[in-house]
């Protein structure tokens, strides 16, 4: 879930994680998660010095909204 100043991850297995958008230092975007092509989705890889890189994929319709927001927060 993307909010004004944070991104909340709700994994299938494991605990929720909330990341402040201001912590994000790098953003990768494409069609691949580590080792896997994702059909009809957009993959994001987020990096920061305070946590391990995170990769996730969302539907194309969601990525159209999220991509400009994530990139604007990472200027």
PDB file of N, CA and C in Angstrom:
ATOM      1  N   UNK A   1       0.853  -1.159   0.000  1.00  0.00           N
ATOM      2  CA  UNK A   1       0.000   0.000   0.000  1.00  0.00           C
ATOM      3  C   UNK A   1       0.905   1.230   0.000  1.00  0.00           C
ATOM      4  N   UNK A   2       0.658   2.147  -0.919  1.00  0.00           N
ATOM      5  CA  UNK A   2       1.437   3.369  -1.015  1.00  0.00           C
ATOM      6  C   UNK A   2       0.658   4.515  -0.396  1.00  0.00           C
ATOM      7  N   UNK A   3       1.304   5.192   0.536  1.00  0.00           N
ATOM      8  CA  UNK A   3       0.696   6.349   1.195  1.00  0.00           C
ATOM      9  C   UNK A   3       1.520   7.578   0.861  1.00  0.00           C
ATOM     10  N   UNK A   4       1.152   8.727   1.424  1.00  0.00           N
ATOM     11  CA  UNK A   4       1.851   9.979   1.133  1.00  0.00           C
ATOM     12  C   UNK A   4       3.344   9.921   1.414  1.00  0.00           C
ATOM     13  N   UNK A   5       3.720   9.322   2.519  1.00  0.00           N
ATOM     14  CA  UNK A   5       5.133   9.347   2.898  1.00  0.00           C
ATOM     15  C   UNK A   5       5.713   7.968   3.202  1.00  0.00           C
ATOM     16  N   UNK A   6       4.951   6.910   2.952  1.00  0.00           N
ATOM     17  CA  UNK A   6       5.456   5.578   3.259  1.00  0.00           C
ATOM     18  C   UNK A   6       4.860   4.518   2.333  1.00  0.00           C
ATOM     19  N   UNK A   7       5.559   3.406   2.301  1.00  0.00           N
ATOM     20  CA  UNK A   7       5.147   2.257   1.515  1.00  0.00           C
ATOM     21  C   UNK A   7       5.029   1.086   2.484  1.00  0.00           C
ATOM     22  N   UNK A   8       3.868   0.439   2.503  1.00  0.00           N
ATOM     23  CA  UNK A   8       3.645  -0.679   3.415  1.00  0.00           C
ATOM     24  C   UNK A   8       3.613  -1.974   2.615  1.00  0.00           C
ATOM     25  N   UNK A   9       4.456  -2.917   3.019  1.00  0.00           N
ATOM     26  CA  UNK A   9       4.500  -4.235   2.399  1.00  0.00           C
ATOM     27  C   UNK A   9       3.727  -5.209   3.273  1.00  0.00           C
ATOM     28  N   UNK A  10       2.830  -5.954   2.664  1.00  0.00           N
ATOM     29  CA  UNK A  10       2.074  -6.987   3.362  1.00  0.00           C
ATOM     30  C   UNK A  10       2.358  -8.296   2.621  1.00  0.00           C
ATOM     31  N   UNK A  11       3.377  -9.033   3.055  1.00  0.00           N
ATOM     32  CA  UNK A  11       3.748 -10.256   2.349  1.00  0.00           C
ATOM     33  C   UNK A  11       2.773 -11.399   2.609  1.00  0.00           C
ATOM     34  N   UNK A  12       2.819 -12.383   1.755  1.00  0.00           N
ATOM     35  CA  UNK A  12       2.006 -13.584   1.939  1.00  0.00           C
ATOM     36  C   UNK A  12       2.480 -14.316   3.193  1.00  0.00           C
ATOM     37  N   UNK A  13       3.792 -14.365   3.378  1.00  0.00           N
ATOM     38  CA  UNK A  13       4.388 -14.992   4.552  1.00  0.00           C
ATOM     39  C   UNK A  13       5.308 -13.968   5.209  1.00  0.00           C
ATOM     40  N   UNK A  14       5.208 -13.820   6.488  1.00  0.00           N
ATOM     41  CA  UNK A  14       6.068 -12.890   7.205  1.00  0.00           C
ATOM     42  C   UNK A  14       5.302 -11.697   7.742  1.00  0.00           C
ATOM     43  N   UNK A  15       6.057 -10.776   8.302  1.00  0.00           N
ATOM     44  CA  UNK A  15       5.457  -9.609   8.952  1.00  0.00           C
ATOM     45  C   UNK A  15       5.356  -8.430   7.994  1.00  0.00           C
ATOM     46  N   UNK A  16       4.407  -7.559   8.292  1.00  0.00           N
ATOM     47  CA  UNK A  16       4.274  -6.305   7.547  1.00  0.00           C
ATOM     48  C   UNK A  16       5.527  -5.476   7.753  1.00  0.00           C
ATOM     49  N   UNK A  17       5.810  -4.655   6.761  1.00  0.00           N
ATOM     50  CA  UNK A  17       6.962  -3.768   6.863  1.00  0.00           C
ATOM     51  C   UNK A  17       6.585  -2.415   6.284  1.00  0.00           C
ATOM     52  N   UNK A  18       6.888  -1.370   7.003  1.00  0.00           N
ATOM     53  CA  UNK A  18       6.600  -0.008   6.543  1.00  0.00           C
ATOM     54  C   UNK A  18       7.925   0.694   6.293  1.00  0.00           C
ATOM     55  N   UNK A  19       8.043   1.267   5.102  1.00  0.00           N
ATOM     56  CA  UNK A  19       9.260   1.961   4.705  1.00  0.00           C
ATOM     57  C   UNK A  19       8.912   3.411   4.385  1.00  0.00           C
ATOM     58  N   UNK A  20       9.627   4.328   4.983  1.00  0.00           N
ATOM     59  CA  UNK A  20       9.450   5.743   4.661  1.00  0.00           C
ATOM     60  C   UNK A  20      10.009   5.996   3.263  1.00  0.00           C
ATOM     61  N   UNK A  21       9.271   6.727   2.451  1.00  0.00           N
ATOM     62  CA  UNK A  21       9.732   7.015   1.091  1.00  0.00           C
ATOM     63  C   UNK A  21      11.041   7.794   1.108  1.00  0.00           C
ATOM     64  N   UNK A  22      11.267   8.559   2.152  1.00  0.00           N
ATOM     65  CA  UNK A  22      12.508   9.332   2.258  1.00  0.00           C
ATOM     66  C   UNK A  22      13.741   8.436   2.454  1.00  0.00           C
ATOM     67  N   UNK A  23      13.557   7.189   2.885  1.00  0.00           N
ATOM     68  CA  UNK A  23      14.674   6.253   3.065  1.00  0.00           C
ATOM     69  C   UNK A  23      15.151   5.646   1.752  1.00  0.00           C
ATOM     70  N   UNK A  24      14.321   5.664   0.728  1.00  0.00           N
ATOM     71  CA  UNK A  24      14.649   5.020  -0.537  1.00  0.00           C
ATOM     72  C   UNK A  24      15.753   5.800  -1.238  1.00  0.00           C
ATOM     73  N   UNK A  25      16.844   5.090  -1.573  1.00  0.00           N
ATOM     74  CA  UNK A  25      17.985   5.718  -2.234  1.00  0.00           C
ATOM     75  C   UNK A  25      18.067   5.370  -3.710  1.00  0.00           C
ATOM     76  N   UNK A  26      17.524   4.226  -4.094  1.00  0.00           N
ATOM     77  CA  UNK A  26      17.550   3.841  -5.505  1.00  0.00           C
ATOM     78  C   UNK A  26      16.291   3.053  -5.850  1.00  0.00           C
ATOM     79  N   UNK A  27      15.867   3.201  -7.101  1.00  0.00           N
ATOM     80  CA  UNK A  27      14.683   2.497  -7.581  1.00  0.00           C
ATOM     81  C   UNK A  27      14.992   1.897  -8.943  1.00  0.00           C
ATOM     82  N   UNK A  28      14.748   0.600  -9.050  1.00  0.00           N
ATOM     83  CA  UNK A  28      14.836  -0.073 -10.335  1.00  0.00           C
ATOM     84  C   UNK A  28      13.431  -0.484 -10.743  1.00  0.00           C
ATOM     85  N   UNK A  29      13.188  -0.486 -12.035  1.00  0.00           N
ATOM     86  CA  UNK A  29      11.851  -0.824 -12.515  1.00  0.00           C
ATOM     87  C   UNK A  29      11.990  -1.653 -13.784  1.00  0.00           C
ATOM     88  N   UNK A  30      11.179  -2.682 -13.905  1.00  0.00           N
ATOM     89  CA  UNK A  30      11.247  -3.526 -15.091  1.00  0.00           C
ATOM     90  C   UNK A  30      10.238  -4.655 -15.047  1.00  0.00           C
ATOM     91  N   UNK A  31      10.572  -5.742 -15.715  1.00  0.00           N
ATOM     92  CA  UNK A  31       9.698  -6.911 -15.800  1.00  0.00           C
ATOM     93  C   UNK A  31      10.255  -8.130 -15.066  1.00  0.00           C
ATOM     94  N   UNK A  32      11.393  -7.973 -14.422  1.00  0.00           N
ATOM     95  CA  UNK A  32      12.040  -9.103 -13.764  1.00  0.00           C
ATOM     96  C   UNK A  32      12.152  -8.891 -12.268  1.00  0.00           C
ATOM     97  N   UNK A  33      11.757  -9.905 -11.514  1.00  0.00           N
ATOM     98  CA  UNK A  33      12.121 -10.023 -10.105  1.00  0.00           C
ATOM     99  C   UNK A  33      13.390 -10.856 -10.105  1.00  0.00           C
ATOM    100  N   UNK A  34      14.136 -10.898  -9.031  1.00  0.00           N
ATOM    101  CA  UNK A  34      15.370 -11.690  -9.056  1.00  0.00           C
ATOM    102  C   UNK A  34      15.132 -13.123  -9.546  1.00  0.00           C
ATOM    103  N   UNK A  35      15.613 -13.395 -10.753  1.00  0.00           N
ATOM    104  CA  UNK A  35      15.513 -14.727 -11.335  1.00  0.00           C
ATOM    105  C   UNK A  35      14.181 -15.108 -11.939  1.00  0.00           C
ATOM    106  N   UNK A  36      13.236 -14.186 -12.046  1.00  0.00           N
ATOM    107  CA  UNK A  36      11.904 -14.561 -12.536  1.00  0.00           C
ATOM    108  C   UNK A  36      11.274 -13.428 -13.334  1.00  0.00           C
ATOM    109  N   UNK A  37      10.785 -13.760 -14.527  1.00  0.00           N
ATOM    110  CA  UNK A  37      10.042 -12.809 -15.350  1.00  0.00           C
ATOM    111  C   UNK A  37       8.608 -12.741 -14.834  1.00  0.00           C
ATOM    112  N   UNK A  38       8.054 -11.543 -14.715  1.00  0.00           N
ATOM    113  CA  UNK A  38       6.682 -11.403 -14.231  1.00  0.00           C
ATOM    114  C   UNK A  38       5.781 -10.953 -15.384  1.00  0.00           C
ATOM    115  N   UNK A  39       4.799 -11.765 -15.693  1.00  0.00           N
ATOM    116  CA  UNK A  39       3.859 -11.491 -16.771  1.00  0.00           C
ATOM    117  C   UNK A  39       2.813 -10.488 -16.320  1.00  0.00           C
ATOM    118  N   UNK A  40       2.521  -9.522 -17.160  1.00  0.00           N
ATOM    119  CA  UNK A  40       1.461  -8.539 -16.938  1.00  0.00           C
ATOM    120  C   UNK A  40       1.593  -7.798 -15.616  1.00  0.00           C
ATOM    121  N   UNK A  41       2.824  -7.669 -15.146  1.00  0.00           N
ATOM    122  CA  UNK A  41       3.102  -6.936 -13.911  1.00  0.00           C
ATOM    123  C   UNK A  41       4.326  -6.067 -14.128  1.00  0.00           C
ATOM    124  N   UNK A  42       4.564  -5.178 -13.209  1.00  0.00           N
ATOM    125  CA  UNK A  42       5.743  -4.328 -13.222  1.00  0.00           C
ATOM    126  C   UNK A  42       6.497  -4.590 -11.930  1.00  0.00           C
ATOM    127  N   UNK A  43       7.788  -4.857 -12.042  1.00  0.00           N
ATOM    128  CA  UNK A  43       8.627  -5.146 -10.879  1.00  0.00           C
ATOM    129  C   UNK A  43       9.397  -3.897 -10.468  1.00  0.00           C
ATOM    130  N   UNK A  44       9.497  -3.686  -9.173  1.00  0.00           N
ATOM    131  CA  UNK A  44      10.274  -2.594  -8.597  1.00  0.00           C
ATOM    132  C   UNK A  44      11.314  -3.186  -7.667  1.00  0.00           C
ATOM    133  N   UNK A  45      12.502  -2.614  -7.671  1.00  0.00           N
ATOM    134  CA  UNK A  45      13.544  -2.974  -6.717  1.00  0.00           C
ATOM    135  C   UNK A  45      13.958  -1.695  -6.010  1.00  0.00           C
ATOM    136  N   UNK A  46      13.828  -1.690  -4.701  1.00  0.00           N
ATOM    137  CA  UNK A  46      14.143  -0.516  -3.904  1.00  0.00           C
ATOM    138  C   UNK A  46      15.413  -0.780  -3.106  1.00  0.00           C
ATOM    139  N   UNK A  47      16.260   0.217  -3.034  1.00  0.00           N
ATOM    140  CA  UNK A  47      17.487   0.081  -2.276  1.00  0.00           C
ATOM    141  C   UNK A  47      17.672   1.231  -1.305  1.00  0.00           C
ATOM    142  N   UNK A  48      18.323   0.946  -0.194  1.00  0.00           N
ATOM    143  CA  UNK A  48      18.658   1.950   0.812  1.00  0.00           C
ATOM    144  C   UNK A  48      19.806   1.419   1.656  1.00  0.00           C
ATOM    145  N   UNK A  49      20.502   2.314   2.314  1.00  0.00           N
ATOM    146  CA  UNK A  49      21.632   1.883   3.142  1.00  0.00           C
ATOM    147  C   UNK A  49      21.177   1.316   4.481  1.00  0.00           C
ATOM    148  N   UNK A  50      19.939   1.574   4.871  1.00  0.00           N
ATOM    149  CA  UNK A  50      19.462   1.140   6.191  1.00  0.00           C
ATOM    150  C   UNK A  50      18.735  -0.205   6.165  1.00  0.00           C
ATOM    151  N   UNK A  51      18.485  -0.793   4.988  1.00  0.00           N
ATOM    152  CA  UNK A  51      17.856  -2.110   4.891  1.00  0.00           C
ATOM    153  C   UNK A  51      18.284  -2.782   3.593  1.00  0.00           C
ATOM    154  N   UNK A  52      18.079  -4.091   3.533  1.00  0.00           N
ATOM    155  CA  UNK A  52      18.436  -4.875   2.347  1.00  0.00           C
ATOM    156  C   UNK A  52      17.552  -4.476   1.172  1.00  0.00           C
ATOM    157  N   UNK A  53      18.049  -4.607  -0.074  1.00  0.00           N
ATOM    158  CA  UNK A  53      17.205  -4.308  -1.235  1.00  0.00           C
ATOM    159  C   UNK A  53      15.918  -5.130  -1.199  1.00  0.00           C
ATOM    160  N   UNK A  54      14.842  -4.517  -1.638  1.00  0.00           N
ATOM    161  CA  UNK A  54      13.542  -5.183  -1.650  1.00  0.00           C
ATOM    162  C   UNK A  54      13.013  -5.174  -3.072  1.00  0.00           C
ATOM    163  N   UNK A  55      12.467  -6.300  -3.495  1.00  0.00           N
ATOM    164  CA  UNK A  55      11.874  -6.406  -4.823  1.00  0.00           C
ATOM    165  C   UNK A  55      10.421  -6.851  -4.674  1.00  0.00           C
ATOM    166  N   UNK A  56       9.553  -6.260  -5.492  1.00  0.00           N
ATOM    167  CA  UNK A  56       8.146  -6.631  -5.477  1.00  0.00           C
ATOM    168  C   UNK A  56       7.547  -6.302  -6.836  1.00  0.00           C
ATOM    169  N   UNK A  57       6.405  -6.896  -7.121  1.00  0.00           N
ATOM    170  CA  UNK A  57       5.724  -6.646  -8.391  1.00  0.00           C
ATOM    171  C   UNK A  57       4.273  -6.268  -8.123  1.00  0.00           C
ATOM    172  N   UNK A  58       3.752  -5.394  -8.961  1.00  0.00           N
ATOM    173  CA  UNK A  58       2.355  -4.975  -8.877  1.00  0.00           C
ATOM    174  C   UNK A  58       1.753  -5.021 -10.281  1.00  0.00           C
ATOM    175  N   UNK A  59       0.439  -5.022 -10.342  1.00  0.00           N
ATOM    176  CA  UNK A  59      -0.255  -5.016 -11.624  1.00  0.00           C
ATOM    177  C   UNK A  59       0.116  -3.762 -12.420  1.00  0.00           C
ATOM    178  N   UNK A  60       0.071  -3.868 -13.744  1.00  0.00           N
ATOM    179  CA  UNK A  60       0.380  -2.728 -14.607  1.00  0.00           C
ATOM    180  C   UNK A  60      -0.446  -1.496 -14.237  1.00  0.00           C
ATOM    181  N   UNK A  61      -1.728  -1.688 -13.944  1.00  0.00           N
ATOM    182  CA  UNK A  61      -2.598  -0.548 -13.620  1.00  0.00           C
ATOM    183  C   UNK A  61      -2.129   0.169 -12.359  1.00  0.00           C
ATOM    184  N   UNK A  62      -1.584  -0.572 -11.423  1.00  0.00           N
ATOM    185  CA  UNK A  62      -1.061   0.023 -10.192  1.00  0.00           C
ATOM    186  C   UNK A  62       0.272   0.718 -10.477  1.00  0.00           C
ATOM    187  N   UNK A  63       1.106   0.091 -11.286  1.00  0.00           N
ATOM    188  CA  UNK A  63       2.431   0.663 -11.566  1.00  0.00           C
ATOM    189  C   UNK A  63       2.333   2.001 -12.293  1.00  0.00           C
ATOM    190  N   UNK A  64       1.297   2.198 -13.079  1.00  0.00           N
ATOM    191  CA  UNK A  64       1.110   3.475 -13.778  1.00  0.00           C
ATOM    192  C   UNK A  64       0.959   4.606 -12.770  1.00  0.00           C
ATOM    193  N   UNK A  65       0.309   4.335 -11.648  1.00  0.00           N
ATOM    194  CA  UNK A  65       0.138   5.345 -10.592  1.00  0.00           C
ATOM    195  C   UNK A  65       1.362   5.424  -9.681  1.00  0.00           C
ATOM    196  N   UNK A  66       1.932   4.286  -9.330  1.00  0.00           N
ATOM    197  CA  UNK A  66       3.008   4.253  -8.351  1.00  0.00           C
ATOM    198  C   UNK A  66       4.346   4.756  -8.891  1.00  0.00           C
ATOM    199  N   UNK A  67       4.671   4.430 -10.121  1.00  0.00           N
ATOM    200  CA  UNK A  67       5.976   4.763 -10.671  1.00  0.00           C
ATOM    201  C   UNK A  67       6.307   6.251 -10.560  1.00  0.00           C
ATOM    202  N   UNK A  68       5.447   7.156 -11.014  1.00  0.00           N
ATOM    203  CA  UNK A  68       5.790   8.583 -10.889  1.00  0.00           C
ATOM    204  C   UNK A  68       5.896   9.051  -9.430  1.00  0.00           C
ATOM    205  N   UNK A  69       5.108   8.479  -8.557  1.00  0.00           N
ATOM    206  CA  UNK A  69       5.153   8.866  -7.142  1.00  0.00           C
ATOM    207  C   UNK A  69       6.471   8.414  -6.510  1.00  0.00           C
ATOM    208  N   UNK A  70       6.850   7.173  -6.755  1.00  0.00           N
ATOM    209  CA  UNK A  70       8.103   6.672  -6.193  1.00  0.00           C
ATOM    210  C   UNK A  70       9.299   7.425  -6.756  1.00  0.00           C
ATOM    211  N   UNK A  71       9.296   7.700  -8.029  1.00  0.00           N
ATOM    212  CA  UNK A  71      10.415   8.416  -8.646  1.00  0.00           C
ATOM    213  C   UNK A  71      10.483   9.867  -8.155  1.00  0.00           C
ATOM    214  N   UNK A  72       9.349  10.509  -7.960  1.00  0.00           N
ATOM    215  CA  UNK A  72       9.336  11.897  -7.477  1.00  0.00           C
ATOM    216  C   UNK A  72       9.888  11.981  -6.051  1.00  0.00           C
ATOM    217  N   UNK A  73       9.626  10.965  -5.239  1.00  0.00           N
ATOM    218  CA  UNK A  73      10.110  10.945  -3.857  1.00  0.00           C
ATOM    219  C   UNK A  73      11.594  10.633  -3.794  1.00  0.00           C
ATOM    220  N   UNK A  74      12.149  10.168  -4.889  1.00  0.00           N
ATOM    221  CA  UNK A  74      13.544   9.731  -4.918  1.00  0.00           C
ATOM    222  C   UNK A  74      14.396  10.665  -5.789  1.00  0.00           C
ATOM    223  N   UNK A  75      14.192  11.949  -5.663  1.00  0.00           N
ATOM    224  CA  UNK A  75      14.932  12.911  -6.498  1.00  0.00           C
ATOM    225  C   UNK A  75      16.242  13.262  -5.854  1.00  0.00           C
TER     226      UNK A  75
END
